[in-house]
Structure formats: structure tokens, C-alpha cells
Amino acid sequence: MQRSSFDFFMEQLSLLTPNLRSDEKRIESVFGPTTYIHLSRKDRVDQAISRLRAEQTGLWHRHADGSELERVAPPKEPRYDPDAIARHIQELSALDAAWERWFKQQKIEPLRIAYDALSANPQKVLSEVLFSIGCDPTLAQQVETPTAKLADHESQNWRQRFLSEHNRH
């Protein structure tokens, strides 16, 4: 679940479980034993660029073969916008910090997954997740990665340009 929708989710869950005071207890009373997984991306610049390009182009996901998987708007050319990248960096950092506060408040130590590790070797990360929930980790070998990264040469150019401009200030 993305952090931006989590508060609404918990509000709705509190309607179902008004006698429970802890978010963790509410979640587990409705869904049963729960393993919490925190997927995060250390490189906020790349994350912000990816988000901005998806917003601008309308394309959020591609199938592994490169064909479109999820498009929410007609195709549009992306345009470099350093202010939007900086704004996204701040927003993404705040969302991740909100997760960290929530985990601390609930006394939960989630299984932590780095986006770069997941992107580089999805089967290995899936194997670790399966192991952590008591399932056969070798099942991950049978799973094909259904999506492809959207980042491309233009994303790298934006990154270099942003970092160059940002480091001057």
C-alpha cells in the first residue's frame, strides 16, 4: 500500500474495529497475521524523475516485453522540470519518513526491501520474501518478472542535469 492512501485505509479499518486502539491490531484482526514489507528507494532523484515522467507521459508501467501495461493519459512528451523534481524529492522523502514514524509507533520491524535490489534481481528478493513468511523460497525461480523499468537514457540525462544544477546552489 502506498503511504498516500494509508491514512484513509486506517480510517476505514477503524470503522470496522472501533474497539481496537492499535493500527497493527486493527490490521491483524481483519486480515490475520501480517508480514509488513517496506519497499523503499534510496535514490530520491531517480524516484522523483520516474514519478514526474509517469505523470507527464501518462505511462506508469510496461510489460517485460516493453509493451504498455498501464497508461492513465494519452501519450505526451515529457519535459524537464527541476522544480517538479525537487518537489517530488521532498514529497517522497516525507512519505517515507511517515512510514518510518508509523513503524516506530506500532513497534513493527518490517522486512525491508531496497528498490535497487528488487529491480536488479526480482527473483532473489521474492525468494527472501517467501522465506520470511515461511514459504518455499525456491518457488521464486518459477516466477517471471512481468514488468520492465521505464527509466531510459533521457532519465539519466535529467538526473545528470538536475544534479549539476542542484550542486551549484
N, C-alpha and C. Protein backbone atom coordinates (compact mmCIF):
# COMPACT_ATOMS: atom_id res chain seq x y z
N MET A 1 0.85 -1.16 0.00
CA MET A 1 0.00 0.00 0.00
C MET A 1 0.90 1.23 0.00
N GLN A 2 0.54 2.18 -0.81
CA GLN A 2 1.31 3.42 -0.83
C GLN A 2 0.91 4.29 0.35
N ARG A 3 1.88 5.00 0.87
CA ARG A 3 1.66 5.79 2.08
C ARG A 3 0.57 6.84 1.88
N SER A 4 0.45 7.38 0.68
CA SER A 4 -0.52 8.44 0.44
C SER A 4 -1.97 7.98 0.63
N SER A 5 -2.22 6.67 0.56
CA SER A 5 -3.58 6.17 0.77
C SER A 5 -3.74 5.46 2.11
N PHE A 6 -2.66 5.38 2.88
CA PHE A 6 -2.68 4.60 4.11
C PHE A 6 -3.58 5.19 5.19
N ASP A 7 -3.56 6.50 5.37
CA ASP A 7 -4.38 7.10 6.42
C ASP A 7 -5.87 6.85 6.16
N PHE A 8 -6.29 6.98 4.92
CA PHE A 8 -7.69 6.70 4.58
C PHE A 8 -8.02 5.23 4.86
N PHE A 9 -7.10 4.35 4.49
CA PHE A 9 -7.28 2.92 4.75
C PHE A 9 -7.48 2.67 6.25
N MET A 10 -6.64 3.30 7.07
CA MET A 10 -6.75 3.09 8.52
C MET A 10 -8.03 3.70 9.07
N GLU A 11 -8.48 4.81 8.52
CA GLU A 11 -9.77 5.40 8.95
C GLU A 11 -10.90 4.41 8.68
N GLN A 12 -10.90 3.80 7.53
CA GLN A 12 -11.93 2.84 7.19
C GLN A 12 -11.84 1.60 8.07
N LEU A 13 -10.62 1.16 8.33
CA LEU A 13 -10.42 -0.01 9.18
C LEU A 13 -10.87 0.27 10.61
N SER A 14 -10.71 1.49 11.07
CA SER A 14 -11.15 1.83 12.43
C SER A 14 -12.67 1.77 12.56
N LEU A 15 -13.37 1.98 11.45
CA LEU A 15 -14.84 1.84 11.47
C LEU A 15 -15.25 0.38 11.68
N LEU A 16 -14.43 -0.53 11.14
CA LEU A 16 -14.71 -1.96 11.30
C LEU A 16 -14.28 -2.49 12.66
N THR A 17 -13.31 -1.84 13.26
CA THR A 17 -12.73 -2.32 14.52
C THR A 17 -12.63 -1.19 15.54
N PRO A 18 -13.76 -0.59 15.92
CA PRO A 18 -13.71 0.59 16.80
C PRO A 18 -13.15 0.32 18.19
N ASN A 19 -13.17 -0.92 18.63
CA ASN A 19 -12.70 -1.23 19.99
C ASN A 19 -11.20 -1.46 20.06
N LEU A 20 -10.55 -1.53 18.92
CA LEU A 20 -9.10 -1.75 18.92
C LEU A 20 -8.39 -0.41 18.76
N ARG A 21 -7.34 -0.20 19.54
CA ARG A 21 -6.66 1.09 19.54
C ARG A 21 -5.42 1.13 18.67
N SER A 22 -4.82 0.02 18.41
CA SER A 22 -3.56 0.00 17.66
C SER A 22 -3.84 -0.32 16.19
N ASP A 23 -3.14 0.37 15.30
CA ASP A 23 -3.28 0.09 13.87
C ASP A 23 -2.91 -1.36 13.57
N GLU A 24 -1.84 -1.82 14.17
CA GLU A 24 -1.40 -3.20 13.93
C GLU A 24 -2.49 -4.19 14.36
N LYS A 25 -3.11 -3.96 15.50
CA LYS A 25 -4.18 -4.86 15.97
C LYS A 25 -5.37 -4.81 15.01
N ARG A 26 -5.69 -3.62 14.51
CA ARG A 26 -6.79 -3.49 13.55
C ARG A 26 -6.51 -4.28 12.28
N ILE A 27 -5.31 -4.11 11.76
CA ILE A 27 -4.93 -4.81 10.53
C ILE A 27 -5.00 -6.32 10.75
N GLU A 28 -4.43 -6.79 11.82
CA GLU A 28 -4.38 -8.23 12.06
C GLU A 28 -5.75 -8.81 12.40
N SER A 29 -6.62 -8.01 13.01
CA SER A 29 -7.96 -8.53 13.32
C SER A 29 -8.78 -8.74 12.05
N VAL A 30 -8.52 -7.94 11.03
CA VAL A 30 -9.26 -8.05 9.77
C VAL A 30 -8.57 -8.99 8.79
N PHE A 31 -7.24 -8.94 8.72
CA PHE A 31 -6.50 -9.69 7.70
C PHE A 31 -5.74 -10.89 8.24
N GLY A 32 -5.67 -11.05 9.54
CA GLY A 32 -4.91 -12.16 10.11
C GLY A 32 -3.45 -11.78 10.27
N PRO A 33 -2.62 -12.77 10.61
CA PRO A 33 -1.19 -12.49 10.80
C PRO A 33 -0.63 -11.80 9.55
N THR A 34 0.11 -10.74 9.79
CA THR A 34 0.57 -9.90 8.70
C THR A 34 2.08 -9.71 8.75
N THR A 35 2.71 -9.87 7.60
CA THR A 35 4.12 -9.54 7.45
C THR A 35 4.17 -8.17 6.79
N TYR A 36 4.86 -7.26 7.41
CA TYR A 36 4.97 -5.91 6.88
C TYR A 36 6.25 -5.82 6.05
N ILE A 37 6.10 -5.35 4.84
CA ILE A 37 7.23 -5.19 3.92
C ILE A 37 7.33 -3.73 3.55
N HIS A 38 8.51 -3.17 3.74
CA HIS A 38 8.73 -1.76 3.39
C HIS A 38 9.67 -1.71 2.19
N LEU A 39 9.10 -1.36 1.05
CA LEU A 39 9.87 -1.17 -0.17
C LEU A 39 10.23 0.30 -0.26
N SER A 40 11.50 0.60 -0.35
CA SER A 40 11.91 2.00 -0.44
C SER A 40 13.02 2.14 -1.48
N ARG A 41 13.16 3.36 -1.91
CA ARG A 41 14.15 3.67 -2.93
C ARG A 41 15.08 4.73 -2.36
N LYS A 42 16.32 4.36 -2.16
CA LYS A 42 17.29 5.26 -1.54
C LYS A 42 17.55 6.48 -2.42
N ASP A 43 17.59 6.27 -3.73
CA ASP A 43 17.91 7.36 -4.65
C ASP A 43 16.65 8.15 -4.97
N ARG A 44 16.42 9.20 -4.22
CA ARG A 44 15.20 10.00 -4.39
C ARG A 44 15.19 10.76 -5.72
N VAL A 45 16.37 11.10 -6.24
CA VAL A 45 16.40 11.82 -7.52
C VAL A 45 15.82 10.94 -8.61
N ASP A 46 16.30 9.71 -8.71
CA ASP A 46 15.77 8.79 -9.73
C ASP A 46 14.29 8.53 -9.51
N GLN A 47 13.89 8.37 -8.27
CA GLN A 47 12.48 8.12 -7.96
C GLN A 47 11.62 9.32 -8.37
N ALA A 48 12.09 10.51 -8.08
CA ALA A 48 11.34 11.72 -8.43
C ALA A 48 11.24 11.87 -9.95
N ILE A 49 12.32 11.58 -10.64
CA ILE A 49 12.30 11.67 -12.11
C ILE A 49 11.33 10.65 -12.69
N SER A 50 11.36 9.44 -12.17
CA SER A 50 10.43 8.41 -12.65
C SER A 50 8.98 8.84 -12.44
N ARG A 51 8.71 9.36 -11.28
CA ARG A 51 7.34 9.79 -10.97
C ARG A 51 6.90 10.95 -11.87
N LEU A 52 7.78 11.93 -12.04
CA LEU A 52 7.45 13.07 -12.88
C LEU A 52 7.22 12.64 -14.33
N ARG A 53 8.07 11.79 -14.84
CA ARG A 53 7.90 11.33 -16.23
C ARG A 53 6.61 10.54 -16.39
N ALA A 54 6.27 9.73 -15.41
CA ALA A 54 5.00 8.98 -15.49
C ALA A 54 3.82 9.94 -15.48
N GLU A 55 3.87 10.93 -14.61
CA GLU A 55 2.78 11.93 -14.56
C GLU A 55 2.66 12.67 -15.89
N GLN A 56 3.80 13.06 -16.45
CA GLN A 56 3.77 13.85 -17.68
C GLN A 56 3.36 13.03 -18.90
N THR A 57 3.84 11.80 -18.99
CA THR A 57 3.59 10.98 -20.19
C THR A 57 2.32 10.16 -20.08
N GLY A 58 1.85 9.94 -18.84
CA GLY A 58 0.69 9.09 -18.63
C GLY A 58 1.02 7.61 -18.58
N LEU A 59 2.28 7.25 -18.84
CA LEU A 59 2.70 5.85 -18.83
C LEU A 59 3.36 5.51 -17.50
N TRP A 60 2.74 4.57 -16.76
CA TRP A 60 3.23 4.22 -15.43
C TRP A 60 3.94 2.87 -15.40
N HIS A 61 3.57 1.94 -16.26
CA HIS A 61 4.19 0.60 -16.24
C HIS A 61 4.26 0.02 -17.65
N ARG A 62 5.30 -0.77 -17.88
CA ARG A 62 5.45 -1.54 -19.12
C ARG A 62 5.54 -3.02 -18.78
N HIS A 63 5.03 -3.85 -19.70
CA HIS A 63 5.23 -5.29 -19.60
C HIS A 63 6.72 -5.58 -19.80
N ALA A 64 7.16 -6.76 -19.42
CA ALA A 64 8.56 -7.16 -19.57
C ALA A 64 9.01 -7.06 -21.02
N ASP A 65 8.10 -7.26 -21.98
CA ASP A 65 8.48 -7.18 -23.40
C ASP A 65 8.53 -5.74 -23.92
N GLY A 66 8.26 -4.77 -23.06
CA GLY A 66 8.33 -3.37 -23.44
C GLY A 66 7.00 -2.75 -23.85
N SER A 67 5.98 -3.57 -24.05
CA SER A 67 4.67 -3.02 -24.42
C SER A 67 4.03 -2.35 -23.19
N GLU A 68 3.09 -1.48 -23.46
CA GLU A 68 2.47 -0.73 -22.37
C GLU A 68 1.59 -1.62 -21.51
N LEU A 69 1.70 -1.43 -20.22
CA LEU A 69 0.89 -2.16 -19.25
C LEU A 69 -0.13 -1.23 -18.60
N GLU A 70 0.32 -0.06 -18.17
CA GLU A 70 -0.60 0.87 -17.51
C GLU A 70 -0.35 2.29 -18.01
N ARG A 71 -1.34 2.81 -18.71
CA ARG A 71 -1.31 4.18 -19.18
C ARG A 71 -2.58 4.85 -18.67
N VAL A 72 -2.44 6.02 -18.05
CA VAL A 72 -3.60 6.70 -17.48
C VAL A 72 -3.95 7.99 -18.22
N ALA A 73 -3.19 8.30 -19.26
CA ALA A 73 -3.45 9.50 -20.05
C ALA A 73 -2.90 9.30 -21.45
N PRO A 74 -3.41 10.05 -22.41
CA PRO A 74 -2.87 9.95 -23.77
C PRO A 74 -1.38 10.26 -23.78
N PRO A 75 -0.62 9.65 -24.69
CA PRO A 75 0.83 9.90 -24.75
C PRO A 75 1.16 11.38 -24.90
N LYS A 76 2.17 11.79 -24.17
CA LYS A 76 2.62 13.17 -24.19
C LYS A 76 4.13 13.17 -23.96
N GLU A 77 4.84 14.06 -24.61
CA GLU A 77 6.29 14.14 -24.43
C GLU A 77 6.63 14.69 -23.05
N PRO A 78 7.59 14.07 -22.36
CA PRO A 78 8.00 14.60 -21.07
C PRO A 78 8.87 15.84 -21.26
N ARG A 79 8.85 16.73 -20.25
CA ARG A 79 9.71 17.90 -20.30
C ARG A 79 10.42 18.05 -18.95
N TYR A 80 11.67 18.34 -19.03
CA TYR A 80 12.49 18.50 -17.84
C TYR A 80 11.95 19.66 -17.00
N ASP A 81 11.75 19.42 -15.71
CA ASP A 81 11.21 20.43 -14.81
C ASP A 81 11.91 20.27 -13.46
N PRO A 82 13.00 21.00 -13.23
CA PRO A 82 13.76 20.82 -11.98
C PRO A 82 12.96 21.15 -10.73
N ASP A 83 12.03 22.11 -10.82
CA ASP A 83 11.22 22.45 -9.65
C ASP A 83 10.30 21.29 -9.28
N ALA A 84 9.73 20.64 -10.28
CA ALA A 84 8.86 19.49 -10.02
C ALA A 84 9.67 18.32 -9.47
N ILE A 85 10.87 18.12 -9.98
CA ILE A 85 11.73 17.05 -9.46
C ILE A 85 12.04 17.32 -7.99
N ALA A 86 12.43 18.55 -7.67
CA ALA A 86 12.74 18.91 -6.28
C ALA A 86 11.52 18.72 -5.38
N ARG A 87 10.35 19.14 -5.87
CA ARG A 87 9.11 18.98 -5.10
C ARG A 87 8.82 17.49 -4.85
N HIS A 88 9.01 16.67 -5.87
CA HIS A 88 8.78 15.23 -5.71
C HIS A 88 9.78 14.62 -4.71
N ILE A 89 11.01 15.07 -4.76
CA ILE A 89 12.01 14.56 -3.80
C ILE A 89 11.53 14.84 -2.38
N GLN A 90 11.06 16.05 -2.13
CA GLN A 90 10.57 16.41 -0.79
C GLN A 90 9.35 15.57 -0.41
N GLU A 91 8.41 15.42 -1.34
CA GLU A 91 7.19 14.65 -1.06
C GLU A 91 7.51 13.17 -0.79
N LEU A 92 8.37 12.60 -1.62
CA LEU A 92 8.73 11.19 -1.45
C LEU A 92 9.48 10.97 -0.14
N SER A 93 10.34 11.89 0.22
CA SER A 93 11.07 11.79 1.49
C SER A 93 10.10 11.87 2.67
N ALA A 94 9.12 12.77 2.56
CA ALA A 94 8.13 12.91 3.64
C ALA A 94 7.28 11.65 3.76
N LEU A 95 6.91 11.06 2.65
CA LEU A 95 6.10 9.82 2.70
C LEU A 95 6.90 8.69 3.34
N ASP A 96 8.17 8.57 2.99
CA ASP A 96 8.99 7.52 3.58
C ASP A 96 9.19 7.76 5.07
N ALA A 97 9.38 9.01 5.45
CA ALA A 97 9.52 9.35 6.87
C ALA A 97 8.24 9.01 7.63
N ALA A 98 7.09 9.22 6.99
CA ALA A 98 5.80 8.88 7.63
C ALA A 98 5.72 7.38 7.88
N TRP A 99 6.18 6.58 6.91
CA TRP A 99 6.22 5.13 7.15
C TRP A 99 7.11 4.82 8.35
N GLU A 100 8.28 5.42 8.39
CA GLU A 100 9.21 5.13 9.49
C GLU A 100 8.60 5.49 10.84
N ARG A 101 7.92 6.63 10.91
CA ARG A 101 7.25 7.01 12.17
C ARG A 101 6.18 5.98 12.54
N TRP A 102 5.41 5.54 11.53
CA TRP A 102 4.34 4.58 11.81
C TRP A 102 4.92 3.26 12.30
N PHE A 103 5.95 2.77 11.65
CA PHE A 103 6.57 1.51 12.09
C PHE A 103 7.07 1.65 13.53
N LYS A 104 7.67 2.78 13.84
CA LYS A 104 8.18 3.01 15.20
C LYS A 104 7.03 3.06 16.20
N GLN A 105 5.95 3.80 15.87
CA GLN A 105 4.80 3.91 16.77
C GLN A 105 4.17 2.54 17.03
N GLN A 106 4.10 1.72 16.00
CA GLN A 106 3.47 0.41 16.12
C GLN A 106 4.43 -0.66 16.62
N LYS A 107 5.70 -0.28 16.79
CA LYS A 107 6.74 -1.22 17.23
C LYS A 107 6.85 -2.40 16.25
N ILE A 108 6.88 -2.06 14.97
CA ILE A 108 6.97 -3.05 13.90
C ILE A 108 8.33 -2.91 13.22
N GLU A 109 9.00 -4.02 13.03
CA GLU A 109 10.22 -4.02 12.22
C GLU A 109 9.87 -4.74 10.93
N PRO A 110 9.64 -3.98 9.86
CA PRO A 110 9.22 -4.60 8.61
C PRO A 110 10.38 -5.32 7.91
N LEU A 111 10.03 -6.18 7.01
CA LEU A 111 11.02 -6.73 6.10
C LEU A 111 11.34 -5.59 5.14
N ARG A 112 12.59 -5.20 5.07
CA ARG A 112 12.97 -4.05 4.27
C ARG A 112 13.54 -4.51 2.92
N ILE A 113 12.99 -3.91 1.88
CA ILE A 113 13.43 -4.22 0.52
C ILE A 113 13.84 -2.93 -0.16
N ALA A 114 15.02 -2.94 -0.71
CA ALA A 114 15.50 -1.78 -1.47
C ALA A 114 15.07 -1.93 -2.92
N TYR A 115 14.55 -0.84 -3.47
CA TYR A 115 14.10 -0.85 -4.86
C TYR A 115 15.21 -1.33 -5.81
N ASP A 116 16.44 -0.86 -5.58
CA ASP A 116 17.54 -1.25 -6.46
C ASP A 116 17.77 -2.75 -6.43
N ALA A 117 17.67 -3.37 -5.25
CA ALA A 117 17.84 -4.82 -5.14
C ALA A 117 16.70 -5.54 -5.87
N LEU A 118 15.48 -5.05 -5.68
CA LEU A 118 14.33 -5.66 -6.35
C LEU A 118 14.44 -5.52 -7.86
N SER A 119 14.85 -4.37 -8.31
CA SER A 119 14.98 -4.11 -9.74
C SER A 119 16.10 -4.96 -10.36
N ALA A 120 17.19 -5.11 -9.63
CA ALA A 120 18.34 -5.85 -10.15
C ALA A 120 18.11 -7.36 -10.16
N ASN A 121 17.40 -7.87 -9.15
CA ASN A 121 17.23 -9.32 -9.05
C ASN A 121 15.89 -9.65 -8.38
N PRO A 122 14.79 -9.51 -9.13
CA PRO A 122 13.47 -9.71 -8.53
C PRO A 122 13.26 -11.11 -7.96
N GLN A 123 13.80 -12.14 -8.61
CA GLN A 123 13.61 -13.50 -8.09
C GLN A 123 14.30 -13.68 -6.75
N LYS A 124 15.48 -13.10 -6.59
CA LYS A 124 16.20 -13.21 -5.32
C LYS A 124 15.40 -12.54 -4.20
N VAL A 125 14.89 -11.35 -4.47
CA VAL A 125 14.11 -10.63 -3.45
C VAL A 125 12.83 -11.39 -3.14
N LEU A 126 12.16 -11.91 -4.16
CA LEU A 126 10.95 -12.70 -3.93
C LEU A 126 11.28 -13.93 -3.09
N SER A 127 12.40 -14.55 -3.36
CA SER A 127 12.84 -15.71 -2.57
C SER A 127 12.98 -15.33 -1.10
N GLU A 128 13.56 -14.17 -0.84
CA GLU A 128 13.73 -13.70 0.54
C GLU A 128 12.37 -13.43 1.20
N VAL A 129 11.45 -12.87 0.44
CA VAL A 129 10.11 -12.61 0.98
C VAL A 129 9.42 -13.95 1.30
N LEU A 130 9.47 -14.87 0.37
CA LEU A 130 8.85 -16.18 0.60
C LEU A 130 9.44 -16.85 1.84
N PHE A 131 10.75 -16.81 1.98
CA PHE A 131 11.39 -17.40 3.14
C PHE A 131 10.91 -16.74 4.43
N SER A 132 10.79 -15.41 4.40
CA SER A 132 10.40 -14.68 5.62
C SER A 132 8.97 -14.99 6.05
N ILE A 133 8.12 -15.41 5.13
CA ILE A 133 6.74 -15.74 5.50
C ILE A 133 6.52 -17.25 5.63
N GLY A 134 7.63 -17.99 5.63
CA GLY A 134 7.54 -19.42 5.87
C GLY A 134 7.16 -20.25 4.66
N CYS A 135 7.37 -19.72 3.48
CA CYS A 135 7.07 -20.46 2.25
C CYS A 135 8.37 -20.91 1.60
N ASP A 136 8.25 -21.81 0.66
CA ASP A 136 9.41 -22.35 -0.05
C ASP A 136 10.04 -21.27 -0.92
N PRO A 137 11.26 -20.83 -0.60
CA PRO A 137 11.88 -19.76 -1.37
C PRO A 137 12.23 -20.16 -2.80
N THR A 138 12.34 -21.46 -3.07
CA THR A 138 12.68 -21.88 -4.44
C THR A 138 11.53 -21.63 -5.42
N LEU A 139 10.33 -21.37 -4.89
CA LEU A 139 9.20 -21.06 -5.78
C LEU A 139 9.46 -19.79 -6.59
N ALA A 140 10.31 -18.92 -6.07
CA ALA A 140 10.62 -17.66 -6.77
C ALA A 140 11.26 -17.91 -8.12
N GLN A 141 11.96 -19.02 -8.26
CA GLN A 141 12.64 -19.33 -9.53
C GLN A 141 11.65 -19.55 -10.67
N GLN A 142 10.42 -19.89 -10.34
CA GLN A 142 9.40 -20.16 -11.35
C GLN A 142 8.65 -18.91 -11.80
N VAL A 143 8.91 -17.79 -11.14
CA VAL A 143 8.17 -16.57 -11.41
C VAL A 143 8.96 -15.69 -12.38
N GLU A 144 8.31 -15.32 -13.47
CA GLU A 144 8.94 -14.42 -14.42
C GLU A 144 8.59 -12.99 -14.07
N THR A 145 9.53 -12.10 -14.27
CA THR A 145 9.29 -10.69 -13.98
C THR A 145 8.31 -10.13 -15.01
N PRO A 146 7.16 -9.63 -14.56
CA PRO A 146 6.13 -9.20 -15.50
C PRO A 146 6.31 -7.78 -16.05
N THR A 147 7.20 -7.00 -15.44
CA THR A 147 7.32 -5.60 -15.84
C THR A 147 8.76 -5.25 -16.19
N ALA A 148 8.90 -4.13 -16.91
CA ALA A 148 10.22 -3.61 -17.27
C ALA A 148 10.36 -2.21 -16.69
N LYS A 149 11.59 -1.82 -16.41
CA LYS A 149 11.84 -0.45 -15.93
C LYS A 149 11.51 0.54 -17.03
N LEU A 150 11.03 1.69 -16.62
CA LEU A 150 10.73 2.76 -17.57
C LEU A 150 11.93 3.69 -17.77
N ALA A 151 12.83 3.73 -16.80
CA ALA A 151 13.98 4.62 -16.89
C ALA A 151 14.77 4.32 -18.16
N ASP A 152 15.23 5.40 -18.80
CA ASP A 152 15.97 5.25 -20.06
C ASP A 152 17.07 6.31 -20.11
N HIS A 153 17.63 6.49 -21.28
CA HIS A 153 18.71 7.46 -21.46
C HIS A 153 18.25 8.87 -21.09
N GLU A 154 17.03 9.21 -21.44
CA GLU A 154 16.51 10.54 -21.10
C GLU A 154 16.43 10.72 -19.57
N SER A 155 16.04 9.68 -18.87
CA SER A 155 16.00 9.74 -17.40
C SER A 155 17.40 10.02 -16.86
N GLN A 156 18.39 9.36 -17.42
CA GLN A 156 19.78 9.57 -16.98
C GLN A 156 20.24 11.00 -17.27
N ASN A 157 19.84 11.53 -18.44
CA ASN A 157 20.19 12.91 -18.77
C ASN A 157 19.56 13.88 -17.78
N TRP A 158 18.30 13.66 -17.45
CA TRP A 158 17.62 14.52 -16.48
C TRP A 158 18.34 14.45 -15.14
N ARG A 159 18.75 13.26 -14.74
CA ARG A 159 19.45 13.09 -13.46
C ARG A 159 20.73 13.90 -13.44
N GLN A 160 21.54 13.75 -14.49
CA GLN A 160 22.81 14.47 -14.55
C GLN A 160 22.58 15.98 -14.55
N ARG A 161 21.59 16.40 -15.30
CA ARG A 161 21.29 17.83 -15.38
C ARG A 161 20.82 18.35 -14.02
N PHE A 162 19.91 17.63 -13.38
CA PHE A 162 19.39 18.05 -12.08
C PHE A 162 20.51 18.13 -11.05
N LEU A 163 21.33 17.09 -10.99
CA LEU A 163 22.42 17.07 -10.00
C LEU A 163 23.42 18.20 -10.28
N SER A 164 23.69 18.46 -11.54
CA SER A 164 24.60 19.54 -11.90
C SER A 164 24.04 20.88 -11.46
N GLU A 165 22.77 21.11 -11.73
CA GLU A 165 22.14 22.37 -11.33
C GLU A 165 21.99 22.46 -9.81
N HIS A 166 21.63 21.35 -9.19
CA HIS A 166 21.40 21.32 -7.75
C HIS A 166 22.69 21.56 -6.97
N ASN A 167 23.79 21.02 -7.45
CA ASN A 167 25.06 21.16 -6.75
C ASN A 167 25.63 22.57 -6.83
N ARG A 168 25.13 23.36 -7.78
CA ARG A 168 25.60 24.75 -7.90
C ARG A 168 24.94 25.65 -6.87
N HIS A 169 23.82 25.21 -6.29
CA HIS A 169 23.06 26.07 -5.36
C HIS A 169 23.40 25.75 -3.92
